[in-house]
Amino acid sequence: QVRLVESGGGLVQPGGSLRLSCAASDSPYLTWNYDMGWWRQAPGKDREFVAAIKWTEGQTFYTDSVKGRFTISRDNAKNTMYLQMNSLKPEDTAVYFCAALYSCTGYECYSSDYEYDYWGQGTQVTVSS
């Protein structure tokens, strides 16, 4: 049974930083074999792709609006994915979700929400002064 649990959201001032975590498990297996991504949804807006990572190779994908500000990474030993968010802007305010999929190729695939098989519950990020 796949389980994804996000943490690390909160309130931060513009220009500040936050690090989100997504702890993944696939009981009863000990190893994690899914690629993962971060998505976000602001009030009244559609869910938006943020970033993704190929779990084994570490290849990453980002939407243009976060390039140079956000960094996605993973810790294989802990089965945990991270999103380091720097230079945060009010428009980054949203509920952030982590998601997992078994296999994907290329940016178009990773940025399509229907490709993802599992989703976490989300964590709120609010950027405001």
N, C-alpha and C. Protein backbone atom coordinates (compact mmCIF):
# COMPACT_ATOMS: atom_id res chain seq x y z
N GLN A 1 0.85 -1.19 0.00
CA GLN A 1 0.00 0.00 0.00
C GLN A 1 0.89 1.24 0.00
N VAL A 2 0.70 2.08 -1.01
CA VAL A 2 1.51 3.29 -1.13
C VAL A 2 0.93 4.39 -0.24
N ARG A 3 1.83 5.08 0.46
CA ARG A 3 1.42 6.18 1.32
C ARG A 3 2.40 7.33 1.14
N LEU A 4 1.87 8.52 0.98
CA LEU A 4 2.67 9.73 0.81
C LEU A 4 2.24 10.75 1.86
N VAL A 5 3.19 11.26 2.61
CA VAL A 5 2.86 12.21 3.68
C VAL A 5 3.74 13.45 3.54
N GLU A 6 3.10 14.59 3.26
CA GLU A 6 3.82 15.84 3.11
C GLU A 6 3.96 16.54 4.46
N SER A 7 5.02 17.34 4.58
CA SER A 7 5.21 18.19 5.76
C SER A 7 6.09 19.37 5.38
N GLY A 8 6.12 20.37 6.26
CA GLY A 8 7.01 21.50 6.05
C GLY A 8 6.36 22.78 5.58
N GLY A 9 5.06 22.74 5.32
CA GLY A 9 4.38 23.97 4.89
C GLY A 9 4.27 24.97 6.02
N GLY A 10 3.83 26.18 5.67
CA GLY A 10 3.67 27.21 6.68
C GLY A 10 3.54 28.58 6.07
N LEU A 11 3.63 29.58 6.93
CA LEU A 11 3.55 30.98 6.52
C LEU A 11 4.96 31.55 6.45
N VAL A 12 5.28 32.22 5.35
CA VAL A 12 6.60 32.80 5.17
C VAL A 12 6.45 34.14 4.45
N GLN A 13 7.34 35.05 4.73
CA GLN A 13 7.31 36.36 4.08
C GLN A 13 7.87 36.27 2.66
N PRO A 14 7.47 37.16 1.79
CA PRO A 14 8.06 37.19 0.44
C PRO A 14 9.58 37.28 0.52
N GLY A 15 10.24 36.50 -0.33
CA GLY A 15 11.69 36.42 -0.31
C GLY A 15 12.24 35.35 0.61
N GLY A 16 11.38 34.76 1.42
CA GLY A 16 11.81 33.74 2.36
C GLY A 16 11.93 32.37 1.74
N SER A 17 12.22 31.39 2.60
CA SER A 17 12.43 30.01 2.15
C SER A 17 11.64 29.04 3.00
N LEU A 18 11.32 27.92 2.38
CA LEU A 18 10.70 26.78 3.07
C LEU A 18 11.23 25.50 2.42
N ARG A 19 11.26 24.43 3.20
CA ARG A 19 11.58 23.13 2.62
C ARG A 19 10.43 22.17 2.92
N LEU A 20 9.86 21.64 1.87
CA LEU A 20 8.81 20.64 2.00
C LEU A 20 9.42 19.25 1.94
N SER A 21 8.81 18.34 2.67
CA SER A 21 9.23 16.94 2.65
C SER A 21 8.03 16.07 2.28
N CYS A 22 8.32 14.95 1.63
CA CYS A 22 7.29 13.95 1.33
C CYS A 22 7.86 12.58 1.67
N ALA A 23 7.36 12.01 2.73
CA ALA A 23 7.78 10.68 3.15
C ALA A 23 6.94 9.64 2.43
N ALA A 24 7.63 8.72 1.74
CA ALA A 24 6.94 7.73 0.92
C ALA A 24 7.14 6.32 1.49
N SER A 25 6.10 5.53 1.38
CA SER A 25 6.21 4.13 1.78
C SER A 25 5.33 3.30 0.87
N ASP A 26 5.71 2.03 0.73
CA ASP A 26 4.97 1.10 -0.13
C ASP A 26 4.94 -0.24 0.58
N SER A 27 4.20 -0.26 1.65
CA SER A 27 4.10 -1.46 2.47
C SER A 27 3.59 -2.64 1.66
N PRO A 28 4.19 -3.84 1.81
CA PRO A 28 5.23 -4.25 2.76
C PRO A 28 6.65 -4.13 2.24
N TYR A 29 6.85 -3.47 1.11
CA TYR A 29 8.17 -3.36 0.52
C TYR A 29 9.00 -2.28 1.22
N LEU A 30 10.29 -2.53 1.31
CA LEU A 30 11.17 -1.58 1.96
C LEU A 30 11.75 -0.56 0.99
N THR A 31 11.90 -0.94 -0.27
CA THR A 31 12.46 -0.02 -1.25
C THR A 31 11.35 0.75 -1.95
N TRP A 32 11.72 1.93 -2.45
CA TRP A 32 10.77 2.79 -3.14
C TRP A 32 11.10 2.78 -4.62
N ASN A 33 10.13 2.48 -5.46
CA ASN A 33 10.39 2.28 -6.88
C ASN A 33 9.58 3.21 -7.78
N TYR A 34 9.10 4.32 -7.23
CA TYR A 34 8.27 5.23 -8.00
C TYR A 34 9.00 6.55 -8.23
N ASP A 35 8.83 7.11 -9.39
CA ASP A 35 9.23 8.50 -9.61
C ASP A 35 8.23 9.41 -8.91
N MET A 36 8.66 10.63 -8.61
CA MET A 36 7.79 11.48 -7.81
C MET A 36 7.77 12.91 -8.31
N GLY A 37 6.73 13.61 -7.91
CA GLY A 37 6.60 15.00 -8.32
C GLY A 37 5.92 15.84 -7.26
N TRP A 38 6.08 17.14 -7.40
CA TRP A 38 5.38 18.13 -6.57
C TRP A 38 4.40 18.90 -7.45
N TRP A 39 3.21 19.06 -6.93
CA TRP A 39 2.16 19.82 -7.59
C TRP A 39 1.63 20.83 -6.59
N ARG A 40 0.94 21.83 -7.10
CA ARG A 40 0.33 22.80 -6.19
C ARG A 40 -1.01 23.26 -6.76
N GLN A 41 -1.86 23.70 -5.85
CA GLN A 41 -3.17 24.21 -6.25
C GLN A 41 -3.52 25.42 -5.41
N ALA A 42 -3.66 26.55 -6.08
CA ALA A 42 -4.06 27.79 -5.42
C ALA A 42 -5.59 27.89 -5.43
N PRO A 43 -6.16 28.66 -4.52
CA PRO A 43 -7.61 28.79 -4.47
C PRO A 43 -8.18 29.25 -5.81
N GLY A 44 -9.19 28.53 -6.29
CA GLY A 44 -9.85 28.91 -7.53
C GLY A 44 -9.08 28.59 -8.79
N LYS A 45 -7.95 27.90 -8.64
CA LYS A 45 -7.14 27.58 -9.83
C LYS A 45 -6.98 26.08 -9.99
N ASP A 46 -6.60 25.67 -11.20
CA ASP A 46 -6.34 24.26 -11.45
C ASP A 46 -5.04 23.82 -10.78
N ARG A 47 -4.93 22.54 -10.57
CA ARG A 47 -3.69 21.98 -10.04
C ARG A 47 -2.57 22.20 -11.06
N GLU A 48 -1.40 22.58 -10.55
CA GLU A 48 -0.28 22.98 -11.41
C GLU A 48 0.96 22.16 -11.10
N PHE A 49 1.62 21.70 -12.14
CA PHE A 49 2.88 20.97 -11.97
C PHE A 49 3.97 21.92 -11.46
N VAL A 50 4.78 21.45 -10.53
CA VAL A 50 5.88 22.24 -10.00
C VAL A 50 7.23 21.63 -10.39
N ALA A 51 7.44 20.38 -10.02
CA ALA A 51 8.72 19.73 -10.27
C ALA A 51 8.56 18.23 -10.15
N ALA A 52 9.49 17.48 -10.76
CA ALA A 52 9.47 16.03 -10.66
C ALA A 52 10.90 15.50 -10.67
N ILE A 53 11.04 14.27 -10.17
CA ILE A 53 12.36 13.65 -10.11
C ILE A 53 12.26 12.17 -10.42
N LYS A 54 13.15 11.70 -11.27
CA LYS A 54 13.27 10.27 -11.53
C LYS A 54 14.02 9.66 -10.35
N TRP A 55 13.39 8.74 -9.66
CA TRP A 55 13.92 8.30 -8.38
C TRP A 55 15.30 7.67 -8.49
N THR A 56 15.51 6.85 -9.52
CA THR A 56 16.78 6.13 -9.62
C THR A 56 17.90 7.03 -10.16
N GLU A 57 17.63 7.70 -11.28
CA GLU A 57 18.67 8.48 -11.94
C GLU A 57 18.86 9.86 -11.33
N GLY A 58 17.81 10.39 -10.71
CA GLY A 58 17.90 11.73 -10.14
C GLY A 58 17.65 12.85 -11.12
N GLN A 59 17.25 12.52 -12.36
CA GLN A 59 16.95 13.56 -13.34
C GLN A 59 15.75 14.37 -12.85
N THR A 60 15.82 15.68 -13.04
CA THR A 60 14.76 16.56 -12.53
C THR A 60 14.10 17.36 -13.63
N PHE A 61 12.87 17.78 -13.35
CA PHE A 61 12.07 18.57 -14.28
C PHE A 61 11.40 19.68 -13.47
N TYR A 62 11.32 20.88 -14.04
CA TYR A 62 10.71 22.01 -13.35
C TYR A 62 9.81 22.80 -14.29
N THR A 63 8.75 23.35 -13.73
CA THR A 63 7.99 24.31 -14.49
C THR A 63 8.78 25.62 -14.52
N ASP A 64 8.58 26.42 -15.56
CA ASP A 64 9.41 27.61 -15.77
C ASP A 64 9.34 28.60 -14.61
N SER A 65 8.18 28.72 -13.99
CA SER A 65 8.00 29.76 -12.97
C SER A 65 8.81 29.50 -11.69
N VAL A 66 9.33 28.30 -11.52
CA VAL A 66 10.09 28.01 -10.29
C VAL A 66 11.56 27.72 -10.57
N LYS A 67 11.95 27.67 -11.83
CA LYS A 67 13.35 27.40 -12.15
C LYS A 67 14.26 28.45 -11.54
N GLY A 68 15.34 27.98 -10.92
CA GLY A 68 16.27 28.89 -10.28
C GLY A 68 15.89 29.26 -8.86
N ARG A 69 14.67 28.94 -8.45
CA ARG A 69 14.22 29.25 -7.09
C ARG A 69 13.94 27.98 -6.28
N PHE A 70 13.39 26.96 -6.91
CA PHE A 70 13.04 25.71 -6.24
C PHE A 70 14.01 24.61 -6.64
N THR A 71 14.28 23.71 -5.71
CA THR A 71 15.12 22.55 -5.99
C THR A 71 14.45 21.30 -5.45
N ILE A 72 14.25 20.32 -6.33
CA ILE A 72 13.68 19.03 -5.92
C ILE A 72 14.83 18.06 -5.69
N SER A 73 14.71 17.23 -4.67
CA SER A 73 15.75 16.25 -4.38
C SER A 73 15.13 15.07 -3.67
N ARG A 74 15.91 14.01 -3.52
CA ARG A 74 15.39 12.85 -2.79
C ARG A 74 16.51 12.21 -2.00
N ASP A 75 16.11 11.53 -0.93
CA ASP A 75 17.02 10.74 -0.10
C ASP A 75 16.58 9.30 -0.24
N ASN A 76 17.34 8.52 -1.00
CA ASN A 76 16.95 7.13 -1.26
C ASN A 76 16.86 6.32 0.03
N ALA A 77 17.77 6.56 0.95
CA ALA A 77 17.82 5.77 2.18
C ALA A 77 16.58 6.01 3.04
N LYS A 78 16.03 7.23 2.97
CA LYS A 78 14.88 7.57 3.80
C LYS A 78 13.57 7.50 3.03
N ASN A 79 13.62 7.18 1.73
CA ASN A 79 12.42 7.19 0.89
C ASN A 79 11.67 8.51 1.04
N THR A 80 12.40 9.59 0.98
CA THR A 80 11.82 10.91 1.19
C THR A 80 12.23 11.86 0.07
N MET A 81 11.26 12.62 -0.41
CA MET A 81 11.50 13.63 -1.44
C MET A 81 11.40 15.00 -0.79
N TYR A 82 12.15 15.96 -1.32
CA TYR A 82 12.16 17.30 -0.76
C TYR A 82 11.90 18.33 -1.85
N LEU A 83 11.41 19.48 -1.43
CA LEU A 83 11.31 20.64 -2.32
C LEU A 83 11.83 21.84 -1.54
N GLN A 84 13.03 22.28 -1.87
CA GLN A 84 13.59 23.48 -1.28
C GLN A 84 13.09 24.68 -2.07
N MET A 85 12.39 25.56 -1.39
CA MET A 85 11.79 26.72 -2.05
C MET A 85 12.43 27.99 -1.52
N ASN A 86 13.11 28.70 -2.39
CA ASN A 86 13.77 29.96 -2.04
C ASN A 86 13.14 31.11 -2.81
N SER A 87 13.43 32.32 -2.35
CA SER A 87 12.90 33.53 -3.02
C SER A 87 11.41 33.41 -3.27
N LEU A 88 10.68 33.01 -2.25
CA LEU A 88 9.25 32.77 -2.40
C LEU A 88 8.49 34.06 -2.71
N LYS A 89 7.47 33.91 -3.52
CA LYS A 89 6.63 35.03 -3.95
C LYS A 89 5.18 34.78 -3.51
N PRO A 90 4.39 35.83 -3.37
CA PRO A 90 2.98 35.61 -3.01
C PRO A 90 2.26 34.66 -3.96
N GLU A 91 2.64 34.67 -5.23
CA GLU A 91 1.99 33.78 -6.20
C GLU A 91 2.36 32.31 -6.02
N ASP A 92 3.30 32.03 -5.14
CA ASP A 92 3.62 30.63 -4.80
C ASP A 92 2.66 30.07 -3.75
N THR A 93 1.80 30.91 -3.21
CA THR A 93 0.83 30.46 -2.21
C THR A 93 -0.10 29.42 -2.80
N ALA A 94 -0.17 28.27 -2.16
CA ALA A 94 -0.99 27.15 -2.65
C ALA A 94 -0.90 26.01 -1.66
N VAL A 95 -1.75 25.02 -1.88
CA VAL A 95 -1.57 23.72 -1.23
C VAL A 95 -0.63 22.91 -2.12
N TYR A 96 0.42 22.39 -1.52
CA TYR A 96 1.42 21.63 -2.26
C TYR A 96 1.21 20.14 -2.00
N PHE A 97 1.18 19.39 -3.08
CA PHE A 97 0.96 17.94 -3.02
C PHE A 97 2.17 17.20 -3.57
N CYS A 98 2.50 16.10 -2.95
CA CYS A 98 3.45 15.20 -3.60
C CYS A 98 2.67 14.07 -4.23
N ALA A 99 3.24 13.52 -5.30
CA ALA A 99 2.57 12.47 -6.06
C ALA A 99 3.62 11.50 -6.58
N ALA A 100 3.16 10.29 -6.90
CA ALA A 100 4.08 9.24 -7.35
C ALA A 100 3.52 8.54 -8.57
N LEU A 101 4.43 8.13 -9.45
CA LEU A 101 4.05 7.35 -10.61
C LEU A 101 5.13 6.31 -10.86
N TYR A 102 4.75 5.23 -11.54
CA TYR A 102 5.70 4.13 -11.68
C TYR A 102 6.74 4.41 -12.75
N SER A 103 6.35 5.00 -13.87
CA SER A 103 7.31 5.21 -14.95
C SER A 103 6.83 6.32 -15.85
N CYS A 104 7.78 7.12 -16.35
CA CYS A 104 7.44 8.25 -17.20
C CYS A 104 8.65 8.60 -18.04
N THR A 105 8.40 9.25 -19.16
CA THR A 105 9.50 9.69 -20.02
C THR A 105 9.25 11.12 -20.47
N GLY A 106 10.17 12.00 -20.09
CA GLY A 106 10.12 13.36 -20.59
C GLY A 106 9.24 14.30 -19.81
N TYR A 107 9.45 15.58 -20.05
CA TYR A 107 8.74 16.62 -19.30
C TYR A 107 7.23 16.55 -19.49
N GLU A 108 6.78 16.30 -20.71
CA GLU A 108 5.34 16.28 -20.98
C GLU A 108 4.64 15.24 -20.13
N CYS A 109 5.31 14.13 -19.94
CA CYS A 109 4.73 13.06 -19.13
C CYS A 109 4.69 13.46 -17.66
N TYR A 110 5.82 13.91 -17.13
CA TYR A 110 5.89 14.25 -15.72
C TYR A 110 5.00 15.43 -15.35
N SER A 111 4.69 16.28 -16.32
CA SER A 111 3.86 17.45 -16.03
C SER A 111 2.38 17.21 -16.30
N SER A 112 1.99 15.95 -16.50
CA SER A 112 0.60 15.59 -16.73
C SER A 112 0.07 14.89 -15.48
N ASP A 113 -0.93 15.49 -14.84
CA ASP A 113 -1.36 14.93 -13.56
C ASP A 113 -2.01 13.56 -13.69
N TYR A 114 -2.59 13.25 -14.84
CA TYR A 114 -3.24 11.95 -15.01
C TYR A 114 -2.22 10.81 -15.06
N GLU A 115 -0.95 11.13 -15.21
CA GLU A 115 0.08 10.08 -15.22
C GLU A 115 0.39 9.58 -13.80
N TYR A 116 0.01 10.33 -12.80
CA TYR A 116 0.37 9.99 -11.43
C TYR A 116 -0.64 9.03 -10.82
N ASP A 117 -0.12 8.05 -10.11
CA ASP A 117 -0.96 7.00 -9.54
C ASP A 117 -1.36 7.26 -8.09
N TYR A 118 -0.53 7.99 -7.37
CA TYR A 118 -0.77 8.19 -5.94
C TYR A 118 -0.53 9.65 -5.58
N TRP A 119 -1.32 10.13 -4.62
CA TRP A 119 -1.23 11.51 -4.19
C TRP A 119 -1.24 11.60 -2.67
N GLY A 120 -0.51 12.59 -2.14
CA GLY A 120 -0.58 12.87 -0.72
C GLY A 120 -1.75 13.79 -0.42
N GLN A 121 -1.88 14.16 0.86
CA GLN A 121 -3.00 14.99 1.30
C GLN A 121 -2.74 16.48 1.12
N GLY A 122 -1.49 16.86 0.99
CA GLY A 122 -1.16 18.26 0.75
C GLY A 122 -0.72 19.00 2.00
N THR A 123 0.06 20.05 1.79
CA THR A 123 0.50 20.92 2.88
C THR A 123 0.40 22.37 2.39
N GLN A 124 -0.13 23.23 3.25
CA GLN A 124 -0.38 24.62 2.85
C GLN A 124 0.89 25.45 2.92
N VAL A 125 1.16 26.20 1.86
CA VAL A 125 2.24 27.18 1.84
C VAL A 125 1.62 28.54 1.58
N THR A 126 1.86 29.47 2.49
CA THR A 126 1.33 30.82 2.35
C THR A 126 2.48 31.81 2.37
N VAL A 127 2.58 32.61 1.31
CA VAL A 127 3.63 33.62 1.21
C VAL A 127 2.97 34.99 1.32
N SER A 128 3.20 35.64 2.44
CA SER A 128 2.52 36.91 2.70
C SER A 128 3.30 37.71 3.72
N SER A 129 3.22 39.03 3.59
CA SER A 129 3.85 39.90 4.58
C SER A 129 2.83 40.31 5.65
